[in-house]
Amino acid sequence: MYTATGTLINRIRSIDTVRGLIIIIMALDHVRDFFHIAGATGDPTDLTTTTPALFFTRWITHYCAPSFMMLSGLSAYLSGLNKTPAEKSVFLIKRGFWLILVEIVFMTFAFTFDITYKTLFFAVFWALGGAMIVLGIAVRFASPKTVLILGLALVLGHNLLDYVKLQENTPADILLRIFFTGRGTFLPRPDGGAVIFLYVIFPWAGIMMSGYGLGMLFNRNADPVKRRKLLVLAGLAMTILFVVIRLINGYGDPAPWSTQDSGIKTLMSFMNVTKYPPSLCFIFMTQGPVLILLALTEHTDNAFSRICTVYGRVPFFFFLAHFYLIHLMTLVVVFLSGYTWQQATDDSLFFKFRPNDFGYPLGQTYLIWITIVVAMYGPCKWYGEYKARKRTWWLSYL
């Protein structure tokens, strides 16, 4: 570790602080899915039915997935500083396949609590693992600068595929939707079950690869003042480009905005960019401010940043554990609310023990979110300290 000037410690702190903050925000969206009255049946971005409070509760969580991808790429660069390209490649590919296995076995069950695995969900860990495999292949044959260029090409150009129309449900169409363009691809299984791909691979891989290239700013000999300046300038440029591209209302997002019957609804329409898959506007809108936040938190050390860092050091642990905690709390509250076993485990439910008519208003949902985050603090702190003490190889996969 190169800590003579203390810069590495500060850099890692800023990464963990920002990652911890987005993890805390991320939990809000998952609590909303399980505990909000419209979590199972409504769309918080549907301007005909949503409210400003509900819309922006969903909107703020848009920052989580792309930031997670970008910071994963940045962390991959830093963790590979003392490894050969082959060593970095092998680790990233192995970890990618491990994350996909976790998605199939552990995350699907966390979503559904269905021991029959009638529905298999390919969501965040599928995208994260797939992107890590793509990155692993890229770093084996390309320099960090070339990886950055390839990542930016995917980010800037993948929306061109929105204009490609293939015959529906042909193998080529299914593959295009799974890996590039699908908002959600539902594939029936011969046994009567289903496979649902909620996330694609390559647009998210573009974000991770861009984050990997961003790691060059954190090299040992990098000027910290210049780094912060470049992060701020890049963040401002992306934010401005988001506004300009969105105003043009053409390329960059398949869902155009429109003038509504009130100013707040028009703003909501403008900000209602596409996450599945992440559009160019979505990426610029979310990652511009995050780059600025990375620069501003490099030397931040206060009570709140230290709390965020506790979560940010153990993202895999938090993600997996908090889903099980949320679903277990839902199960308990559902039965305490008077639902029967038949109602809670109805065959029509994707998420068992979460009846469609169950839930609370938004204010109470926020209180449950805070409770979940606070409950996770102790386990995350313990696991972070354990991981720091134990340098065994398998912990690097968690």
Protein backbone atom coordinates (compact mmCIF):
# COMPACT_ATOMS: atom_id res chain seq x y z
CA MET A 1 0.00 0.00 0.00
CA TYR A 2 1.32 3.41 -0.93
CA THR A 3 0.33 5.49 2.05
CA ALA A 4 3.31 7.84 2.45
CA THR A 5 1.15 10.83 1.66
CA GLY A 6 -2.12 9.31 2.82
CA THR A 7 -3.63 9.68 -0.63
CA LEU A 8 -4.57 6.03 -1.15
CA ILE A 9 -6.48 5.94 2.13
CA ASN A 10 -8.42 9.04 1.08
CA ARG A 11 -9.15 7.64 -2.36
CA ILE A 12 -10.48 4.40 -0.97
CA ARG A 13 -12.49 6.33 1.59
CA SER A 14 -14.17 8.38 -1.13
CA ILE A 15 -15.04 5.25 -3.11
CA ASP A 16 -16.45 3.47 -0.05
CA THR A 17 -18.27 6.59 1.12
CA VAL A 18 -20.05 7.10 -2.19
CA ARG A 19 -20.75 3.39 -2.59
CA GLY A 20 -22.15 3.24 0.95
CA LEU A 21 -24.44 6.20 0.26
CA ILE A 22 -25.85 4.62 -2.88
CA ILE A 23 -26.32 1.32 -1.05
CA ILE A 24 -28.39 3.09 1.62
CA ILE A 25 -30.50 4.73 -1.11
CA MET A 26 -30.78 1.41 -2.97
CA ALA A 27 -32.41 -0.21 0.07
CA LEU A 28 -35.24 2.35 -0.17
CA ASP A 29 -36.28 0.99 -3.56
CA HIS A 30 -36.31 -2.60 -2.37
CA VAL A 31 -38.28 -1.72 0.76
CA ARG A 32 -40.75 0.14 -1.47
CA ASP A 33 -41.19 -2.97 -3.63
CA PHE A 34 -42.18 -5.08 -0.62
CA PHE A 35 -43.87 -2.64 1.76
CA HIS A 36 -45.47 0.18 -0.23
CA ILE A 37 -49.15 -0.29 -0.95
CA ALA A 38 -48.56 -0.04 -4.71
CA GLY A 39 -45.20 -1.82 -4.67
CA ALA A 40 -46.49 -4.97 -6.36
CA THR A 41 -49.13 -3.48 -8.64
CA GLY A 42 -48.20 0.11 -9.50
CA ASP A 43 -45.53 1.88 -11.53
CA PRO A 44 -44.04 4.85 -9.65
CA THR A 45 -42.90 6.40 -12.95
CA ASP A 46 -46.35 6.26 -14.59
CA LEU A 47 -47.30 9.94 -14.71
CA THR A 48 -51.00 9.12 -14.94
CA THR A 49 -51.08 7.39 -11.56
CA THR A 50 -48.02 8.41 -9.54
CA THR A 51 -47.46 11.34 -7.19
CA PRO A 52 -44.39 13.61 -7.10
CA ALA A 53 -43.26 12.08 -3.79
CA LEU A 54 -43.57 8.53 -5.11
CA PHE A 55 -41.97 9.41 -8.45
CA PHE A 56 -38.90 11.00 -6.87
CA THR A 57 -38.65 8.14 -4.34
CA ARG A 58 -38.14 5.88 -7.33
CA TRP A 59 -36.08 8.42 -9.30
CA ILE A 60 -33.41 8.94 -6.63
CA THR A 61 -32.74 5.20 -6.59
CA HIS A 62 -31.84 5.36 -10.30
CA TYR A 63 -28.41 6.50 -9.14
CA CYS A 64 -27.68 3.16 -7.50
CA ALA A 65 -27.23 0.50 -10.18
CA PRO A 66 -25.05 2.53 -12.59
CA SER A 67 -22.94 3.91 -9.73
CA PHE A 68 -22.47 0.39 -8.44
CA MET A 69 -21.28 -0.69 -11.90
CA MET A 70 -18.95 2.25 -12.31
CA LEU A 71 -17.42 1.88 -8.86
CA SER A 72 -17.03 -1.87 -9.39
CA GLY A 73 -14.97 -1.11 -12.48
CA LEU A 74 -12.92 1.47 -10.58
CA SER A 75 -12.33 -0.98 -7.74
CA ALA A 76 -11.32 -3.67 -10.25
CA TYR A 77 -8.66 -1.33 -11.61
CA LEU A 78 -7.29 -0.52 -8.15
CA SER A 79 -7.31 -4.13 -6.96
CA GLY A 80 -5.43 -5.18 -10.09
CA LEU A 81 -2.59 -2.68 -9.83
CA ASN A 82 -0.15 -5.37 -8.69
CA LYS A 83 -1.49 -8.14 -10.93
CA THR A 84 -0.66 -9.14 -14.47
CA PRO A 85 -3.34 -8.77 -17.15
CA ALA A 86 -3.82 -12.54 -17.10
CA GLU A 87 -4.28 -12.60 -13.32
CA LYS A 88 -6.77 -9.74 -13.43
CA SER A 89 -8.66 -11.39 -16.26
CA VAL A 90 -8.96 -14.77 -14.56
CA PHE A 91 -10.15 -13.25 -11.29
CA LEU A 92 -12.78 -11.03 -12.94
CA ILE A 93 -14.15 -13.84 -15.10
CA LYS A 94 -14.33 -16.28 -12.18
CA ARG A 95 -16.00 -13.67 -9.98
CA GLY A 96 -18.44 -12.86 -12.78
CA PHE A 97 -19.59 -16.47 -13.08
CA TRP A 98 -19.79 -16.71 -9.28
CA LEU A 99 -22.11 -13.67 -9.18
CA ILE A 100 -24.35 -15.18 -11.84
CA LEU A 101 -24.57 -18.38 -9.78
CA VAL A 102 -25.48 -16.29 -6.72
CA GLU A 103 -28.19 -14.60 -8.80
CA ILE A 104 -29.74 -17.90 -9.84
CA VAL A 105 -29.58 -19.67 -6.48
CA PHE A 106 -29.61 -17.08 -3.70
CA MET A 107 -31.10 -13.91 -5.18
CA THR A 108 -33.95 -15.66 -6.96
CA PHE A 109 -34.93 -17.24 -3.65
CA ALA A 110 -34.54 -13.89 -1.85
CA PHE A 111 -36.99 -12.38 -4.36
CA THR A 112 -39.54 -15.17 -4.41
CA PHE A 113 -39.20 -17.35 -1.27
CA ASP A 114 -40.35 -20.09 -3.63
CA ILE A 115 -38.52 -23.39 -2.98
CA THR A 116 -39.69 -24.71 -6.37
CA TYR A 117 -37.89 -21.92 -8.26
CA LYS A 118 -40.86 -21.61 -10.57
CA THR A 119 -39.53 -18.24 -11.72
CA LEU A 120 -35.82 -17.54 -12.17
CA PHE A 121 -34.84 -13.87 -12.01
CA PHE A 122 -31.74 -12.54 -13.76
CA ALA A 123 -31.29 -9.09 -12.27
CA VAL A 124 -28.50 -7.01 -10.74
CA PHE A 125 -25.99 -9.80 -10.04
CA TRP A 126 -26.61 -11.20 -13.52
CA ALA A 127 -25.73 -7.82 -15.03
CA LEU A 128 -22.84 -7.27 -12.62
CA GLY A 129 -21.43 -10.74 -13.23
CA GLY A 130 -21.92 -10.54 -16.98
CA ALA A 131 -20.28 -7.11 -17.10
CA MET A 132 -17.38 -8.45 -15.01
CA ILE A 133 -16.85 -11.29 -17.50
CA VAL A 134 -16.82 -8.79 -20.38
CA LEU A 135 -14.36 -6.60 -18.45
CA GLY A 136 -12.23 -9.65 -17.62
CA ILE A 137 -11.92 -10.52 -21.31
CA ALA A 138 -11.14 -6.90 -22.20
CA VAL A 139 -8.38 -6.40 -19.62
CA ARG A 140 -6.63 -9.55 -20.83
CA PHE A 141 -6.06 -8.09 -24.28
CA ALA A 142 -6.38 -4.32 -23.93
CA SER A 143 -4.78 -1.48 -21.99
CA PRO A 144 -6.84 0.52 -19.47
CA LYS A 145 -7.07 3.36 -22.00
CA THR A 146 -8.44 1.01 -24.65
CA VAL A 147 -10.88 -0.49 -22.13
CA LEU A 148 -12.08 3.05 -21.39
CA ILE A 149 -12.59 3.75 -25.10
CA LEU A 150 -14.53 0.50 -25.56
CA GLY A 151 -16.66 1.28 -22.51
CA LEU A 152 -17.46 4.78 -23.73
CA ALA A 153 -18.32 3.39 -27.16
CA LEU A 154 -20.89 1.08 -25.56
CA VAL A 155 -22.28 3.89 -23.40
CA LEU A 156 -22.54 6.37 -26.27
CA GLY A 157 -23.60 4.00 -29.02
CA HIS A 158 -25.78 1.22 -27.65
CA ASN A 159 -28.98 3.25 -28.14
CA LEU A 160 -28.43 2.85 -31.91
CA LEU A 161 -29.72 -0.68 -31.41
CA ASP A 162 -33.11 0.79 -30.42
CA TYR A 163 -33.66 1.26 -34.15
CA VAL A 164 -32.92 -2.37 -34.98
CA LYS A 165 -36.16 -4.30 -35.45
CA LEU A 166 -35.93 -8.07 -35.76
CA GLN A 167 -38.69 -10.62 -36.21
CA GLU A 168 -40.20 -11.01 -32.76
CA ASN A 169 -39.17 -14.02 -30.65
CA THR A 170 -36.64 -15.32 -33.15
CA PRO A 171 -33.34 -16.46 -31.60
CA ALA A 172 -31.62 -13.30 -32.86
CA ASP A 173 -34.34 -11.09 -31.37
CA ILE A 174 -34.20 -12.88 -28.00
CA LEU A 175 -30.41 -12.62 -27.83
CA LEU A 176 -30.52 -8.94 -28.78
CA ARG A 177 -33.06 -8.27 -26.02
CA ILE A 178 -31.19 -10.30 -23.37
CA PHE A 179 -27.80 -8.74 -24.01
CA PHE A 180 -28.55 -5.25 -25.36
CA THR A 181 -32.07 -3.83 -25.64
CA GLY A 182 -34.64 -5.65 -23.49
CA ARG A 183 -36.73 -3.80 -20.92
CA GLY A 184 -37.47 -7.19 -19.42
CA THR A 185 -37.39 -10.47 -21.31
CA PHE A 186 -39.83 -13.18 -20.21
CA LEU A 187 -39.04 -16.68 -21.44
CA PRO A 188 -41.33 -19.60 -20.58
CA ARG A 189 -39.72 -22.89 -19.50
CA PRO A 190 -40.84 -26.34 -20.68
CA ASP A 191 -41.69 -27.28 -17.08
CA GLY A 192 -44.25 -24.47 -16.83
CA GLY A 193 -41.92 -22.05 -15.06
CA ALA A 194 -40.28 -18.96 -16.47
CA VAL A 195 -36.97 -17.16 -16.77
CA ILE A 196 -37.07 -13.38 -16.52
CA PHE A 197 -34.12 -11.25 -17.62
CA LEU A 198 -34.63 -7.89 -15.91
CA TYR A 199 -31.19 -6.54 -16.84
CA VAL A 200 -29.18 -6.70 -20.05
CA ILE A 201 -25.39 -7.12 -20.14
CA PHE A 202 -23.48 -4.92 -22.57
CA PRO A 203 -24.82 -1.42 -21.75
CA TRP A 204 -24.03 -2.09 -18.08
CA ALA A 205 -20.64 -3.52 -19.10
CA GLY A 206 -19.96 -0.20 -20.83
CA ILE A 207 -20.42 1.60 -17.52
CA MET A 208 -18.15 -0.85 -15.68
CA MET A 209 -15.46 -0.61 -18.35
CA SER A 210 -15.65 3.20 -18.21
CA GLY A 211 -15.19 2.97 -14.45
CA TYR A 212 -12.18 0.74 -14.97
CA GLY A 213 -10.63 3.34 -17.27
CA LEU A 214 -11.45 6.04 -14.74
CA GLY A 215 -9.14 4.19 -12.37
CA MET A 216 -6.18 5.67 -14.25
CA LEU A 217 -6.85 8.92 -12.38
CA PHE A 218 -6.09 7.04 -9.16
CA ASN A 219 -2.65 5.79 -10.12
CA ARG A 220 0.19 6.11 -7.62
CA ASN A 221 1.73 9.07 -9.39
CA ALA A 222 -1.55 10.86 -10.15
CA ASP A 223 -1.86 14.48 -9.02
CA PRO A 224 -4.77 14.53 -6.50
CA VAL A 225 -5.62 18.15 -7.30
CA LYS A 226 -5.73 17.43 -11.03
CA ARG A 227 -7.77 14.27 -10.37
CA ARG A 228 -10.44 16.12 -8.42
CA LYS A 229 -10.56 18.86 -11.05
CA LEU A 230 -10.99 16.32 -13.85
CA LEU A 231 -13.71 14.46 -11.93
CA VAL A 232 -15.64 17.68 -11.37
CA LEU A 233 -15.24 18.81 -14.99
CA ALA A 234 -16.27 15.39 -16.34
CA GLY A 235 -19.24 15.30 -13.97
CA LEU A 236 -20.38 18.78 -14.98
CA ALA A 237 -19.96 17.96 -18.68
CA MET A 238 -22.05 14.79 -18.36
CA THR A 239 -24.78 16.60 -16.43
CA ILE A 240 -24.94 19.40 -19.00
CA LEU A 241 -24.95 16.90 -21.85
CA PHE A 242 -27.84 15.09 -20.20
CA VAL A 243 -29.89 18.30 -20.15
CA VAL A 244 -28.98 19.20 -23.76
CA ILE A 245 -29.61 15.72 -25.20
CA ARG A 246 -32.83 15.38 -23.25
CA LEU A 247 -34.05 18.77 -24.45
CA ILE A 248 -33.41 17.75 -28.06
CA ASN A 249 -35.69 14.76 -27.39
CA GLY A 250 -34.12 12.54 -30.03
CA TYR A 251 -31.25 10.11 -29.75
CA GLY A 252 -30.21 9.03 -26.28
CA ASP A 253 -33.44 7.72 -24.79
CA PRO A 254 -36.27 5.71 -26.34
CA ALA A 255 -38.87 7.41 -24.11
CA PRO A 256 -39.31 11.08 -25.13
CA TRP A 257 -40.52 13.63 -22.61
CA SER A 258 -43.51 15.91 -23.17
CA THR A 259 -45.23 18.95 -21.70
CA GLN A 260 -47.76 17.94 -19.06
CA ASP A 261 -50.67 19.73 -17.39
CA SER A 262 -48.46 21.10 -14.59
CA GLY A 263 -44.87 22.21 -14.15
CA ILE A 264 -43.99 19.43 -11.71
CA LYS A 265 -45.36 16.77 -14.05
CA THR A 266 -43.43 18.24 -16.96
CA LEU A 267 -40.27 18.03 -14.84
CA MET A 268 -41.14 14.45 -13.96
CA SER A 269 -41.58 13.63 -17.65
CA PHE A 270 -38.20 15.22 -18.42
CA MET A 271 -36.46 13.25 -15.68
CA ASN A 272 -38.24 9.99 -16.50
CA VAL A 273 -35.41 8.42 -18.47
CA THR A 274 -35.00 4.76 -19.32
CA LYS A 275 -33.21 2.40 -16.91
CA TYR A 276 -34.01 -0.92 -18.63
CA PRO A 277 -31.64 -0.92 -20.42
CA PRO A 278 -29.74 2.16 -19.18
CA SER A 279 -30.05 4.82 -21.86
CA LEU A 280 -27.38 7.40 -22.65
CA CYS A 281 -29.52 10.03 -20.90
CA PHE A 282 -29.92 7.77 -17.87
CA ILE A 283 -26.17 7.24 -17.61
CA PHE A 284 -25.29 10.93 -18.01
CA MET A 285 -28.01 11.98 -15.55
CA THR A 286 -26.79 9.62 -12.84
CA GLN A 287 -23.04 9.41 -13.33
CA GLY A 288 -22.34 13.10 -13.78
CA PRO A 289 -23.32 13.99 -10.20
CA VAL A 290 -21.63 10.84 -8.86
CA LEU A 291 -18.27 11.82 -10.39
CA ILE A 292 -18.59 15.23 -8.72
CA LEU A 293 -19.46 13.53 -5.44
CA LEU A 294 -16.36 11.32 -5.75
CA ALA A 295 -14.22 14.43 -6.03
CA LEU A 296 -15.90 16.27 -3.15
CA THR A 297 -15.70 13.34 -0.71
CA GLU A 298 -12.05 12.47 -1.23
CA HIS A 299 -11.06 14.11 2.05
CA THR A 300 -14.42 13.90 3.81
CA ASP A 301 -14.23 12.37 7.27
CA ASN A 302 -17.26 12.95 9.48
CA ALA A 303 -19.85 10.87 11.28
CA PHE A 304 -22.11 10.47 8.26
CA SER A 305 -19.30 9.57 5.85
CA ARG A 306 -17.98 7.00 8.33
CA ILE A 307 -21.44 5.43 8.56
CA CYS A 308 -21.65 5.29 4.76
CA THR A 309 -18.19 3.73 4.61
CA VAL A 310 -19.30 0.85 6.86
CA TYR A 311 -21.87 -0.13 4.23
CA GLY A 312 -19.65 0.73 1.27
CA ARG A 313 -16.92 -1.69 2.31
CA VAL A 314 -19.23 -4.72 2.16
CA PRO A 315 -21.57 -4.15 -0.81
CA PHE A 316 -22.05 -7.85 -1.66
CA PHE A 317 -22.84 -8.75 1.94
CA PHE A 318 -25.29 -5.87 2.34
CA PHE A 319 -27.08 -6.55 -0.93
CA LEU A 320 -27.65 -10.22 -0.25
CA ALA A 321 -28.45 -9.91 3.45
CA HIS A 322 -30.79 -6.91 3.25
CA PHE A 323 -33.00 -8.64 0.65
CA TYR A 324 -33.51 -11.62 2.95
CA LEU A 325 -34.15 -9.29 5.90
CA ILE A 326 -36.74 -7.28 3.93
CA HIS A 327 -38.56 -10.39 2.73
CA LEU A 328 -38.52 -12.00 6.17
CA MET A 329 -39.93 -8.82 7.71
CA THR A 330 -42.61 -8.79 5.01
CA LEU A 331 -43.52 -12.40 5.82
CA VAL A 332 -43.90 -11.63 9.54
CA VAL A 333 -45.89 -8.43 9.02
CA VAL A 334 -48.17 -10.07 6.44
CA PHE A 335 -49.22 -12.81 8.86
CA LEU A 336 -49.52 -10.34 11.75
CA SER A 337 -51.84 -8.32 9.50
CA GLY A 338 -54.25 -11.24 9.25
CA TYR A 339 -53.46 -12.76 5.86
CA THR A 340 -53.88 -16.51 5.56
CA TRP A 341 -51.23 -18.93 4.30
CA GLN A 342 -53.23 -19.42 1.10
CA GLN A 343 -53.37 -15.66 0.45
CA ALA A 344 -49.67 -15.21 1.20
CA THR A 345 -48.51 -18.10 -1.03
CA ASP A 346 -50.99 -17.84 -3.91
CA ASP A 347 -49.65 -19.31 -7.17
CA SER A 348 -50.16 -15.99 -8.96
CA LEU A 349 -47.62 -14.22 -6.73
CA PHE A 350 -44.08 -13.78 -8.05
CA PHE A 351 -42.97 -12.81 -4.54
CA LYS A 352 -44.38 -15.26 -1.99
CA PHE A 353 -45.64 -13.77 1.29
CA ARG A 354 -46.22 -10.41 -0.43
CA PRO A 355 -49.94 -10.27 -1.39
CA ASN A 356 -50.73 -7.70 -4.06
CA ASP A 357 -53.08 -5.76 -1.79
CA PHE A 358 -50.62 -5.63 1.13
CA GLY A 359 -48.68 -2.51 2.01
CA TYR A 360 -48.44 0.87 3.67
CA PRO A 361 -48.43 4.54 2.64
CA LEU A 362 -45.17 6.11 1.53
CA GLY A 363 -44.37 7.75 4.87
CA GLN A 364 -44.49 4.45 6.75
CA THR A 365 -42.46 2.83 3.97
CA TYR A 366 -39.70 5.37 4.64
CA LEU A 367 -39.73 4.47 8.34
CA ILE A 368 -39.38 0.78 7.49
CA TRP A 369 -36.48 1.65 5.18
CA ILE A 370 -34.67 3.50 7.98
CA THR A 371 -35.28 0.52 10.29
CA ILE A 372 -33.76 -1.88 7.73
CA VAL A 373 -30.68 0.31 7.19
CA VAL A 374 -30.10 0.70 10.94
CA ALA A 375 -30.56 -3.05 11.50
CA MET A 376 -27.92 -3.78 8.86
CA TYR A 377 -25.29 -1.48 10.39
CA GLY A 378 -24.04 -3.88 13.08
CA PRO A 379 -23.70 -6.94 10.81
CA CYS A 380 -22.00 -4.83 8.11
CA LYS A 381 -19.54 -3.37 10.61
CA TRP A 382 -18.73 -6.81 11.98
CA TYR A 383 -18.28 -8.35 8.56
CA GLY A 384 -16.16 -5.44 7.32
CA GLU A 385 -13.81 -5.82 10.29
CA TYR A 386 -13.71 -9.60 9.85
CA LYS A 387 -12.88 -9.23 6.16
CA ALA A 388 -10.10 -6.75 6.99
CA ARG A 389 -8.56 -9.21 9.51
CA LYS A 390 -8.85 -12.34 7.39
CA ARG A 391 -7.00 -12.18 4.08
CA THR A 392 -8.20 -15.58 2.84
CA TRP A 393 -8.71 -15.96 -0.92
CA TRP A 394 -12.43 -16.75 -0.85
CA LEU A 395 -13.30 -13.47 0.87
CA SER A 396 -12.23 -11.63 -2.30
CA TYR A 397 -15.28 -13.16 -4.00
CA LEU A 398 -17.63 -11.73 -1.37
